[in-house]
Amino acid sequence: MITLRRAGERGSFDHRWLKTAHTFSFGEYHDPAHMGFRSLRVINDDVVAPGRGFAEHPHRDMEIITYPLSGTVRHRDSLGHEEDVGPGMIQRMSAGTGIRHSERNPSASDPVHLLQVWILPDAPGHEPRHETRPVRVHDEPGMLHLLASPDGREGSSAIHQDALMFGATIREGDVISHRIATGRGVWVHVARGSCTVNGESMAAGDGAAIEDEPAVEIRADAEAELLVFDLA
């Protein structure tokens, strides 16, 4: 079964410095019918104006993944990290017992477009940690690249949850598939472009929950970029 969540159905806000769309309930957007999917709690689609950003704020007991689509985001945190993160990179914070951080757009002229993903951890109270890694999503199109996993296999970022996060870029005519183990569910988020997922046409910002099916098959209608979550 595939259940679609169209881009226009998301909670969307224009704060001038920030244009954001929330796939699931977040902040001032509350929708009891869309509180997350399994351990996937947040997908925020953010465009941050030049020179603006999120002031320092706290988090705890959440796996937070930043996936830039264009531009650069500057990260600072209470663990002492300061770095710029752009396309071709992924940043993971395990907030655990508590971490403070800020994210801003250092450019004076260009916006930054990013996806922020929150995944519920398997237990509270983990030690806070942070890492940034390069990813080969753009270098090797037409295939799923493992970005995050519970054991950090295949060079992915290790997270405290039985969840796999994949990224892919696909070109017109590409077909990629992913087998779904019994009892697991998959969420597909189209970051840009368009594709067909298990027979359903999807465009940028669309999401889909897939359960009780043996696999997910993605066919590119045009160049596209997407995230795929395989969740217990």
C-alpha atoms as a PDB file:
ATOM      1  CA  MET A   1       0.000   0.000   0.000  1.00  0.00           C
ATOM      2  CA  ILE A   2       1.265   3.468  -0.869  1.00  0.00           C
ATOM      3  CA  THR A   3      -0.104   6.589   0.840  1.00  0.00           C
ATOM      4  CA  LEU A   4       0.800   9.936  -0.710  1.00  0.00           C
ATOM      5  CA  ARG A   5       1.517  13.179   1.123  1.00  0.00           C
ATOM      6  CA  ARG A   6       1.488  15.929  -1.493  1.00  0.00           C
ATOM      7  CA  ALA A   7       3.739  18.978  -1.200  1.00  0.00           C
ATOM      8  CA  GLY A   8       0.745  21.326  -1.063  1.00  0.00           C
ATOM      9  CA  GLU A   9      -0.718  19.457   1.908  1.00  0.00           C
ATOM     10  CA  ARG A  10       2.270  20.242   4.127  1.00  0.00           C
ATOM     11  CA  GLY A  11       2.289  22.934   6.770  1.00  0.00           C
ATOM     12  CA  SER A  12       3.890  25.879   4.945  1.00  0.00           C
ATOM     13  CA  PHE A  13       4.993  29.267   6.278  1.00  0.00           C
ATOM     14  CA  ASP A  14       6.726  32.339   4.884  1.00  0.00           C
ATOM     15  CA  HIS A  15       8.591  34.203   7.627  1.00  0.00           C
ATOM     16  CA  ARG A  16      10.399  36.443   5.086  1.00  0.00           C
ATOM     17  CA  TRP A  17      13.835  35.235   6.207  1.00  0.00           C
ATOM     18  CA  LEU A  18      12.643  31.610   6.160  1.00  0.00           C
ATOM     19  CA  LYS A  19      10.312  29.796   3.798  1.00  0.00           C
ATOM     20  CA  THR A  20       9.532  26.391   5.251  1.00  0.00           C
ATOM     21  CA  ALA A  21       7.284  23.407   4.643  1.00  0.00           C
ATOM     22  CA  HIS A  22       6.702  20.708   7.276  1.00  0.00           C
ATOM     23  CA  THR A  23       5.820  17.202   6.105  1.00  0.00           C
ATOM     24  CA  PHE A  24       4.872  16.310   9.689  1.00  0.00           C
ATOM     25  CA  SER A  25       3.663  18.351  12.667  1.00  0.00           C
ATOM     26  CA  PHE A  26       6.337  20.782  13.805  1.00  0.00           C
ATOM     27  CA  GLY A  27       6.373  24.015  15.801  1.00  0.00           C
ATOM     28  CA  GLU A  28       3.307  26.127  15.091  1.00  0.00           C
ATOM     29  CA  TYR A  29       2.020  23.541  12.602  1.00  0.00           C
ATOM     30  CA  HIS A  30       0.052  20.820  14.379  1.00  0.00           C
ATOM     31  CA  ASP A  31      -1.788  18.064  12.519  1.00  0.00           C
ATOM     32  CA  PRO A  32      -2.722  15.003  14.594  1.00  0.00           C
ATOM     33  CA  ALA A  33      -3.062  12.969  11.376  1.00  0.00           C
ATOM     34  CA  HIS A  34       0.574  13.646  10.427  1.00  0.00           C
ATOM     35  CA  MET A  35       2.780  13.260  13.508  1.00  0.00           C
ATOM     36  CA  GLY A  36       5.462  11.261  11.720  1.00  0.00           C
ATOM     37  CA  PHE A  37       5.945   7.859  10.131  1.00  0.00           C
ATOM     38  CA  ARG A  38       7.315   5.136  12.392  1.00  0.00           C
ATOM     39  CA  SER A  39      10.532   6.589  13.871  1.00  0.00           C
ATOM     40  CA  LEU A  40      10.699   9.353  11.226  1.00  0.00           C
ATOM     41  CA  ARG A  41       9.454  12.430  13.080  1.00  0.00           C
ATOM     42  CA  VAL A  42      10.374  15.490  10.987  1.00  0.00           C
ATOM     43  CA  ILE A  43      11.129  16.440   7.386  1.00  0.00           C
ATOM     44  CA  ASN A  44      11.424  20.221   7.142  1.00  0.00           C
ATOM     45  CA  ASP A  45      12.044  21.778   3.722  1.00  0.00           C
ATOM     46  CA  ASP A  46      13.732  25.128   4.482  1.00  0.00           C
ATOM     47  CA  VAL A  47      14.925  28.028   2.336  1.00  0.00           C
ATOM     48  CA  VAL A  48      16.930  30.507   4.433  1.00  0.00           C
ATOM     49  CA  ALA A  49      17.590  34.052   3.217  1.00  0.00           C
ATOM     50  CA  PRO A  50      21.148  35.398   2.882  1.00  0.00           C
ATOM     51  CA  GLY A  51      22.715  36.313   6.200  1.00  0.00           C
ATOM     52  CA  ARG A  52      19.887  34.837   8.248  1.00  0.00           C
ATOM     53  CA  GLY A  53      19.404  31.609  10.178  1.00  0.00           C
ATOM     54  CA  PHE A  54      18.385  29.799  13.320  1.00  0.00           C
ATOM     55  CA  ALA A  55      19.809  31.303  16.524  1.00  0.00           C
ATOM     56  CA  GLU A  56      21.393  29.025  19.111  1.00  0.00           C
ATOM     57  CA  HIS A  57      18.806  26.708  20.644  1.00  0.00           C
ATOM     58  CA  PRO A  58      18.760  23.397  22.542  1.00  0.00           C
ATOM     59  CA  HIS A  59      17.771  19.859  21.564  1.00  0.00           C
ATOM     60  CA  ARG A  60      17.812  16.547  23.349  1.00  0.00           C
ATOM     61  CA  ASP A  61      16.975  12.908  22.574  1.00  0.00           C
ATOM     62  CA  MET A  62      16.712  13.257  18.806  1.00  0.00           C
ATOM     63  CA  GLU A  63      18.761  12.153  15.795  1.00  0.00           C
ATOM     64  CA  ILE A  64      18.991  15.300  13.624  1.00  0.00           C
ATOM     65  CA  ILE A  65      20.231  15.117  10.034  1.00  0.00           C
ATOM     66  CA  THR A  66      20.872  18.126   7.799  1.00  0.00           C
ATOM     67  CA  TYR A  67      20.901  17.552   4.046  1.00  0.00           C
ATOM     68  CA  PRO A  68      21.705  20.709   1.989  1.00  0.00           C
ATOM     69  CA  LEU A  69      20.289  20.934  -1.527  1.00  0.00           C
ATOM     70  CA  SER A  70      21.864  24.257  -2.559  1.00  0.00           C
ATOM     71  CA  GLY A  71      23.914  26.940  -0.877  1.00  0.00           C
ATOM     72  CA  THR A  72      25.839  26.532   2.365  1.00  0.00           C
ATOM     73  CA  VAL A  73      24.719  26.351   5.985  1.00  0.00           C
ATOM     74  CA  ARG A  74      27.130  27.329   8.782  1.00  0.00           C
ATOM     75  CA  HIS A  75      26.838  25.112  11.858  1.00  0.00           C
ATOM     76  CA  ARG A  76      28.015  25.870  15.398  1.00  0.00           C
ATOM     77  CA  ASP A  77      27.335  23.732  18.473  1.00  0.00           C
ATOM     78  CA  SER A  78      28.090  23.404  22.163  1.00  0.00           C
ATOM     79  CA  LEU A  79      30.463  20.505  21.474  1.00  0.00           C
ATOM     80  CA  GLY A  80      32.853  22.986  19.869  1.00  0.00           C
ATOM     81  CA  HIS A  81      32.155  22.309  16.191  1.00  0.00           C
ATOM     82  CA  GLU A  82      32.003  25.092  13.609  1.00  0.00           C
ATOM     83  CA  GLU A  83      31.793  24.259   9.917  1.00  0.00           C
ATOM     84  CA  ASP A  84      30.099  24.989   6.616  1.00  0.00           C
ATOM     85  CA  VAL A  85      27.942  22.222   5.154  1.00  0.00           C
ATOM     86  CA  GLY A  86      26.818  22.188   1.517  1.00  0.00           C
ATOM     87  CA  PRO A  87      25.514  19.872  -1.203  1.00  0.00           C
ATOM     88  CA  GLY A  88      27.425  16.606  -1.330  1.00  0.00           C
ATOM     89  CA  MET A  89      27.633  16.518   2.459  1.00  0.00           C
ATOM     90  CA  ILE A  90      25.471  15.244   5.312  1.00  0.00           C
ATOM     91  CA  GLN A  91      25.539  16.383   8.926  1.00  0.00           C
ATOM     92  CA  ARG A  92      24.278  14.256  11.824  1.00  0.00           C
ATOM     93  CA  MET A  93      23.753  15.317  15.413  1.00  0.00           C
ATOM     94  CA  SER A  94      22.730  12.887  18.115  1.00  0.00           C
ATOM     95  CA  ALA A  95      21.292  15.351  20.616  1.00  0.00           C
ATOM     96  CA  GLY A  96      21.142  12.758  23.418  1.00  0.00           C
ATOM     97  CA  THR A  97      21.352  14.294  26.905  1.00  0.00           C
ATOM     98  CA  GLY A  98      21.482  17.769  25.386  1.00  0.00           C
ATOM     99  CA  ILE A  99      23.187  19.901  22.760  1.00  0.00           C
ATOM    100  CA  ARG A 100      22.906  23.547  21.726  1.00  0.00           C
ATOM    101  CA  HIS A 101      23.488  24.636  18.148  1.00  0.00           C
ATOM    102  CA  SER A 102      22.891  27.353  15.586  1.00  0.00           C
ATOM    103  CA  GLU A 103      22.534  27.176  11.806  1.00  0.00           C
ATOM    104  CA  ARG A 104      22.842  30.218   9.559  1.00  0.00           C
ATOM    105  CA  ASN A 105      23.341  31.147   5.937  1.00  0.00           C
ATOM    106  CA  PRO A 106      26.783  32.805   5.681  1.00  0.00           C
ATOM    107  CA  SER A 107      26.205  34.108   2.150  1.00  0.00           C
ATOM    108  CA  ALA A 108      25.473  37.800   1.635  1.00  0.00           C
ATOM    109  CA  SER A 109      23.635  37.142  -1.623  1.00  0.00           C
ATOM    110  CA  ASP A 110      22.410  33.565  -2.054  1.00  0.00           C
ATOM    111  CA  PRO A 111      19.728  31.606  -0.173  1.00  0.00           C
ATOM    112  CA  VAL A 112      20.429  28.155   1.228  1.00  0.00           C
ATOM    113  CA  HIS A 113      17.970  25.314   0.615  1.00  0.00           C
ATOM    114  CA  LEU A 114      18.148  22.386   3.002  1.00  0.00           C
ATOM    115  CA  LEU A 115      16.206  19.465   4.356  1.00  0.00           C
ATOM    116  CA  GLN A 116      16.265  18.849   8.086  1.00  0.00           C
ATOM    117  CA  VAL A 117      15.322  15.342   9.215  1.00  0.00           C
ATOM    118  CA  TRP A 118      14.567  14.217  12.767  1.00  0.00           C
ATOM    119  CA  ILE A 119      14.501  10.542  13.712  1.00  0.00           C
ATOM    120  CA  LEU A 120      13.410   9.386  17.169  1.00  0.00           C
ATOM    121  CA  PRO A 121      16.235   7.560  18.985  1.00  0.00           C
ATOM    122  CA  ASP A 122      15.930   4.011  20.310  1.00  0.00           C
ATOM    123  CA  ALA A 123      16.299   5.262  23.906  1.00  0.00           C
ATOM    124  CA  PRO A 124      16.781   8.547  25.784  1.00  0.00           C
ATOM    125  CA  GLY A 125      20.036   9.682  27.322  1.00  0.00           C
ATOM    126  CA  HIS A 126      22.644   8.874  24.677  1.00  0.00           C
ATOM    127  CA  GLU A 127      25.885  10.833  24.769  1.00  0.00           C
ATOM    128  CA  PRO A 128      25.661  13.846  22.420  1.00  0.00           C
ATOM    129  CA  ARG A 129      27.748  13.543  19.267  1.00  0.00           C
ATOM    130  CA  HIS A 130      28.167  15.181  15.886  1.00  0.00           C
ATOM    131  CA  GLU A 131      29.689  14.348  12.535  1.00  0.00           C
ATOM    132  CA  THR A 132      29.765  15.617   8.981  1.00  0.00           C
ATOM    133  CA  ARG A 133      30.519  13.328   6.048  1.00  0.00           C
ATOM    134  CA  PRO A 134      30.814  13.669   2.281  1.00  0.00           C
ATOM    135  CA  VAL A 135      28.286  11.650   0.287  1.00  0.00           C
ATOM    136  CA  ARG A 136      28.417  10.404  -3.304  1.00  0.00           C
ATOM    137  CA  VAL A 137      24.783  11.066  -4.179  1.00  0.00           C
ATOM    138  CA  HIS A 138      25.703  13.519  -6.942  1.00  0.00           C
ATOM    139  CA  ASP A 139      28.884  11.757  -8.051  1.00  0.00           C
ATOM    140  CA  GLU A 140      27.181   8.414  -8.676  1.00  0.00           C
ATOM    141  CA  PRO A 141      23.614   8.956  -9.935  1.00  0.00           C
ATOM    142  CA  GLY A 142      21.125   6.206 -10.657  1.00  0.00           C
ATOM    143  CA  MET A 143      21.541   4.331  -7.373  1.00  0.00           C
ATOM    144  CA  LEU A 144      20.649   4.550  -3.694  1.00  0.00           C
ATOM    145  CA  HIS A 145      23.483   5.632  -1.399  1.00  0.00           C
ATOM    146  CA  LEU A 146      23.277   4.698   2.281  1.00  0.00           C
ATOM    147  CA  LEU A 147      23.593   7.929   4.284  1.00  0.00           C
ATOM    148  CA  ALA A 148      22.671   6.844   7.824  1.00  0.00           C
ATOM    149  CA  SER A 149      22.285   3.505   9.575  1.00  0.00           C
ATOM    150  CA  PRO A 150      22.362   2.052  13.097  1.00  0.00           C
ATOM    151  CA  ASP A 151      25.850   0.595  12.657  1.00  0.00           C
ATOM    152  CA  GLY A 152      27.499   3.109  10.326  1.00  0.00           C
ATOM    153  CA  ARG A 153      28.039   0.531   7.609  1.00  0.00           C
ATOM    154  CA  GLU A 154      29.165   1.430   4.096  1.00  0.00           C
ATOM    155  CA  GLY A 155      30.606   4.688   5.370  1.00  0.00           C
ATOM    156  CA  SER A 156      27.229   5.993   6.539  1.00  0.00           C
ATOM    157  CA  SER A 157      26.567   8.087   9.633  1.00  0.00           C
ATOM    158  CA  ALA A 158      25.670   6.003  12.690  1.00  0.00           C
ATOM    159  CA  ILE A 159      22.351   6.844  14.351  1.00  0.00           C
ATOM    160  CA  HIS A 160      20.643   5.464  17.449  1.00  0.00           C
ATOM    161  CA  GLN A 161      17.688   3.826  15.685  1.00  0.00           C
ATOM    162  CA  ASP A 162      16.840   0.831  13.497  1.00  0.00           C
ATOM    163  CA  ALA A 163      16.459   3.094  10.478  1.00  0.00           C
ATOM    164  CA  LEU A 164      18.228   3.395   7.138  1.00  0.00           C
ATOM    165  CA  MET A 165      18.377   6.674   5.250  1.00  0.00           C
ATOM    166  CA  PHE A 166      19.324   6.638   1.573  1.00  0.00           C
ATOM    167  CA  GLY A 167      19.865   9.435  -0.935  1.00  0.00           C
ATOM    168  CA  ALA A 168      19.813   9.314  -4.722  1.00  0.00           C
ATOM    169  CA  THR A 169      19.953  11.456  -7.812  1.00  0.00           C
ATOM    170  CA  ILE A 170      18.312   9.996 -10.884  1.00  0.00           C
ATOM    171  CA  ARG A 171      18.216  10.968 -14.540  1.00  0.00           C
ATOM    172  CA  GLU A 172      15.360  10.579 -16.977  1.00  0.00           C
ATOM    173  CA  GLY A 173      14.880   6.883 -17.654  1.00  0.00           C
ATOM    174  CA  ASP A 174      16.709   5.654 -14.532  1.00  0.00           C
ATOM    175  CA  VAL A 175      14.985   2.949 -12.495  1.00  0.00           C
ATOM    176  CA  ILE A 176      16.058   2.074  -8.970  1.00  0.00           C
ATOM    177  CA  SER A 177      14.451  -0.340  -6.544  1.00  0.00           C
ATOM    178  CA  HIS A 178      14.755  -1.242  -2.881  1.00  0.00           C
ATOM    179  CA  ARG A 179      13.489  -4.425  -1.270  1.00  0.00           C
ATOM    180  CA  ILE A 180      11.312  -3.937   1.837  1.00  0.00           C
ATOM    181  CA  ALA A 181      11.793  -6.571   4.524  1.00  0.00           C
ATOM    182  CA  THR A 182       8.709  -8.013   6.211  1.00  0.00           C
ATOM    183  CA  GLY A 183       7.361  -5.724   8.908  1.00  0.00           C
ATOM    184  CA  ARG A 184       9.274  -2.635   7.777  1.00  0.00           C
ATOM    185  CA  GLY A 185       7.997   0.508   6.092  1.00  0.00           C
ATOM    186  CA  VAL A 186       9.526   2.977   3.643  1.00  0.00           C
ATOM    187  CA  TRP A 187       9.072   6.717   3.296  1.00  0.00           C
ATOM    188  CA  VAL A 188      10.106   8.420   0.042  1.00  0.00           C
ATOM    189  CA  HIS A 189      10.641  12.180  -0.090  1.00  0.00           C
ATOM    190  CA  VAL A 190      11.199  13.887  -3.447  1.00  0.00           C
ATOM    191  CA  ALA A 191      13.594  16.782  -2.874  1.00  0.00           C
ATOM    192  CA  ARG A 192      13.578  18.084  -6.452  1.00  0.00           C
ATOM    193  CA  GLY A 193      12.441  16.971  -9.887  1.00  0.00           C
ATOM    194  CA  SER A 194       9.809  14.325 -10.526  1.00  0.00           C
ATOM    195  CA  CYS A 195       9.555  10.550 -10.559  1.00  0.00           C
ATOM    196  CA  THR A 196       7.120   7.656 -10.383  1.00  0.00           C
ATOM    197  CA  VAL A 197       7.092   5.647  -7.150  1.00  0.00           C
ATOM    198  CA  ASN A 198       5.308   2.277  -7.276  1.00  0.00           C
ATOM    199  CA  GLY A 199       3.168   3.602 -10.095  1.00  0.00           C
ATOM    200  CA  GLU A 200       2.345   6.972  -8.484  1.00  0.00           C
ATOM    201  CA  SER A 201       3.615  10.228 -10.006  1.00  0.00           C
ATOM    202  CA  MET A 202       5.451  12.402  -7.496  1.00  0.00           C
ATOM    203  CA  ALA A 203       6.972  15.890  -7.715  1.00  0.00           C
ATOM    204  CA  ALA A 204       9.261  18.027  -5.572  1.00  0.00           C
ATOM    205  CA  GLY A 205       8.071  18.172  -1.957  1.00  0.00           C
ATOM    206  CA  ASP A 206       5.841  15.114  -2.270  1.00  0.00           C
ATOM    207  CA  GLY A 207       6.214  12.222   0.146  1.00  0.00           C
ATOM    208  CA  ALA A 208       4.896   8.673   0.236  1.00  0.00           C
ATOM    209  CA  ALA A 209       4.532   5.989   2.890  1.00  0.00           C
ATOM    210  CA  ILE A 210       4.909   2.429   1.583  1.00  0.00           C
ATOM    211  CA  GLU A 211       3.925  -0.566   3.704  1.00  0.00           C
ATOM    212  CA  ASP A 212       2.929  -4.175   3.075  1.00  0.00           C
ATOM    213  CA  GLU A 213       4.681  -4.198  -0.300  1.00  0.00           C
ATOM    214  CA  PRO A 214       7.745  -6.267  -1.259  1.00  0.00           C
ATOM    215  CA  ALA A 215       9.715  -3.364  -2.723  1.00  0.00           C
ATOM    216  CA  VAL A 216       9.755   0.266  -3.738  1.00  0.00           C
ATOM    217  CA  GLU A 217      10.462   1.022  -7.403  1.00  0.00           C
ATOM    218  CA  ILE A 218      11.391   4.537  -8.473  1.00  0.00           C
ATOM    219  CA  ARG A 219      11.357   5.595 -12.132  1.00  0.00           C
ATOM    220  CA  ALA A 220      12.755   8.994 -13.122  1.00  0.00           C
ATOM    221  CA  ASP A 221      10.444  11.145 -15.253  1.00  0.00           C
ATOM    222  CA  ALA A 222      13.159  13.813 -15.326  1.00  0.00           C
ATOM    223  CA  GLU A 223      16.269  14.569 -13.291  1.00  0.00           C
ATOM    224  CA  ALA A 224      15.359  14.210  -9.622  1.00  0.00           C
ATOM    225  CA  GLU A 225      16.846  13.979  -6.140  1.00  0.00           C
ATOM    226  CA  LEU A 226      15.213  12.081  -3.329  1.00  0.00           C
ATOM    227  CA  LEU A 227      15.580  10.594   0.129  1.00  0.00           C
ATOM    228  CA  VAL A 228      14.388   7.091   1.025  1.00  0.00           C
ATOM    229  CA  PHE A 229      13.890   5.931   4.636  1.00  0.00           C
ATOM    230  CA  ASP A 230      13.643   2.220   5.524  1.00  0.00           C
ATOM    231  CA  LEU A 231      12.169   2.022   9.031  1.00  0.00           C
ATOM    232  CA  ALA A 232      11.446  -0.706  11.578  1.00  0.00           C
END
